[in-house]
Amino acid sequence: EGDSLAGFHIIYIKTPSVARMLEVLPRVPEAVLTVADTDGAHPRGSVMSFFTEDGRVRFGVSLDSASRQRLRLSSRLLSVARNIQGAAHPDWLELDSPGETATA
């Protein structure tokens, strides 16, 4: 609490308190990937979130949060995401091979 979040590339947040998570996320600097570990809904402001489903760990992605953080997401990553929130814009996606088109 109160520590600077500058200098990180990825911040992993695991807390049972959604309120605590919502306190941390707005303090995250631009261009940092935020990964939340929660069994609830995808926390607002987090780029990725891990959750369990049918006894397996899955993940979701927020394209809107990625855009706000100025992060580009691989189309391969998106193809295996269980949940994708937000609208894809071609500039937000990092294409994996020449000639590949961005789709969502």
Foldseek 3Di string as FASTA:
>chain_A
DPDQQPPAQEDEDEDADLVVVVVVLVRHAANHAYEYEDQDDDRPLHQKYWHDDPNDIAMEGELVSLVRSVAAAEPVVVVRHPYYHDDDDQVRYDYDDPPDGDDD
